[in-house]
C-alpha atoms as a PDB file:
ATOM      1  CA  MET A   1      -0.064  -0.124  -0.116  1.00  0.00           C
ATOM      2  CA  ILE A   2       1.297   3.229  -1.033  1.00  0.00           C
ATOM      3  CA  GLY A   3      -0.128   5.275   1.593  1.00  0.00           C
ATOM      4  CA  LYS A   4      -2.898   5.927   3.622  1.00  0.00           C
ATOM      5  CA  VAL A   5      -6.349   7.634   3.282  1.00  0.00           C
ATOM      6  CA  GLU A   6      -6.796   9.859   5.987  1.00  0.00           C
ATOM      7  CA  VAL A   7     -10.996  10.893   6.395  1.00  0.00           C
ATOM      8  CA  TRP A   8     -11.875  14.075   8.161  1.00  0.00           C
ATOM      9  CA  PHE A   9     -15.564  15.841   8.304  1.00  0.00           C
ATOM     10  CA  MET A  10     -15.960  19.213   8.381  1.00  0.00           C
ATOM     11  CA  THR A  11     -18.981  21.215  10.291  1.00  0.00           C
ATOM     12  CA  GLU A  12     -21.633  23.243   8.558  1.00  0.00           C
ATOM     13  CA  GLU A  13     -20.139  26.039  10.695  1.00  0.00           C
ATOM     14  CA  GLU A  14     -16.376  25.470   9.101  1.00  0.00           C
ATOM     15  CA  ARG A  15     -17.530  24.543   5.108  1.00  0.00           C
ATOM     16  CA  GLN A  16     -19.259  28.000   5.471  1.00  0.00           C
ATOM     17  CA  ALA A  17     -16.240  29.656   7.034  1.00  0.00           C
ATOM     18  CA  TYR A  18     -13.798  27.566   4.305  1.00  0.00           C
ATOM     19  CA  ILE A  19     -16.052  29.342   1.586  1.00  0.00           C
ATOM     20  CA  LYS A  20     -15.613  32.789   2.674  1.00  0.00           C
ATOM     21  CA  LYS A  21     -12.149  32.637   3.043  1.00  0.00           C
ATOM     22  CA  HIS A  22     -11.894  30.718  -0.321  1.00  0.00           C
ATOM     23  CA  PRO A  23     -14.533  31.924  -2.669  1.00  0.00           C
ATOM     24  CA  ILE A  24     -14.773  30.227  -6.036  1.00  0.00           C
ATOM     25  CA  ARG A  25     -14.073  33.293  -8.439  1.00  0.00           C
ATOM     26  CA  PRO A  26     -14.440  33.038 -12.233  1.00  0.00           C
ATOM     27  CA  LYS A  27     -11.567  33.029 -14.532  1.00  0.00           C
ATOM     28  CA  LYS A  28     -10.823  36.454 -16.326  1.00  0.00           C
ATOM     29  CA  ASN A  29      -9.357  35.053 -20.034  1.00  0.00           C
ATOM     30  CA  VAL A  30     -10.810  32.470 -20.358  1.00  0.00           C
ATOM     31  CA  LYS A  31      -9.827  31.042 -23.935  1.00  0.00           C
ATOM     32  CA  LYS A  32     -12.240  30.353 -26.879  1.00  0.00           C
ATOM     33  CA  SER A  33     -10.595  26.828 -27.845  1.00  0.00           C
ATOM     34  CA  ASP A  34     -11.233  25.685 -24.605  1.00  0.00           C
ATOM     35  CA  THR A  35     -15.005  25.527 -25.146  1.00  0.00           C
ATOM     36  CA  THR A  36     -14.847  23.702 -28.596  1.00  0.00           C
ATOM     37  CA  LEU A  37     -13.556  20.644 -27.708  1.00  0.00           C
ATOM     38  CA  ALA A  38     -16.974  19.142 -28.334  1.00  0.00           C
ATOM     39  CA  ASN A  39     -16.682  20.461 -31.962  1.00  0.00           C
ATOM     40  CA  LEU A  40     -13.420  18.887 -32.395  1.00  0.00           C
ATOM     41  CA  GLY A  41     -14.751  16.581 -35.367  1.00  0.00           C
ATOM     42  CA  THR A  42     -16.594  19.163 -37.277  1.00  0.00           C
ATOM     43  CA  ASP A  43     -13.848  21.803 -37.518  1.00  0.00           C
ATOM     44  CA  TYR A  44     -11.558  20.213 -40.576  1.00  0.00           C
ATOM     45  CA  LYS A  45     -14.843  19.245 -42.602  1.00  0.00           C
ATOM     46  CA  TRP A  46     -14.452  22.392 -44.778  1.00  0.00           C
ATOM     47  CA  ARG A  47     -10.814  21.492 -45.868  1.00  0.00           C
ATOM     48  CA  GLY A  48     -11.906  18.714 -48.521  1.00  0.00           C
ATOM     49  CA  LYS A  49     -14.499  21.267 -49.740  1.00  0.00           C
ATOM     50  CA  LYS A  50     -12.450  23.751 -50.146  1.00  0.00           C
ATOM     51  CA  GLY A  51      -9.549  22.359 -51.711  1.00  0.00           C
ATOM     52  CA  ALA A  52     -12.261  20.742 -54.237  1.00  0.00           C
ATOM     53  CA  GLU A  53     -13.406  24.554 -55.242  1.00  0.00           C
ATOM     54  CA  SER A  54     -10.075  25.763 -55.642  1.00  0.00           C
ATOM     55  CA  ARG A  55      -8.920  22.438 -57.678  1.00  0.00           C
ATOM     56  CA  TYR A  56     -11.948  21.928 -59.585  1.00  0.00           C
ATOM     57  CA  GLY A  57     -14.016  25.090 -59.570  1.00  0.00           C
ATOM     58  CA  LYS A  58     -17.233  25.956 -57.765  1.00  0.00           C
END
């Protein structure tokens, strides 16, 4: 075994104090490429059409 896992619990007051001391803040500069990972398969479909148009015309 690598190490022992220690489990501890917070009371509701301790949890509220932790949240107040360490609030979750949204990032200021989020890259748009981070949000387009779902469209990864459709990003390059235009290349074949554009290449065919330049080679054979519209």
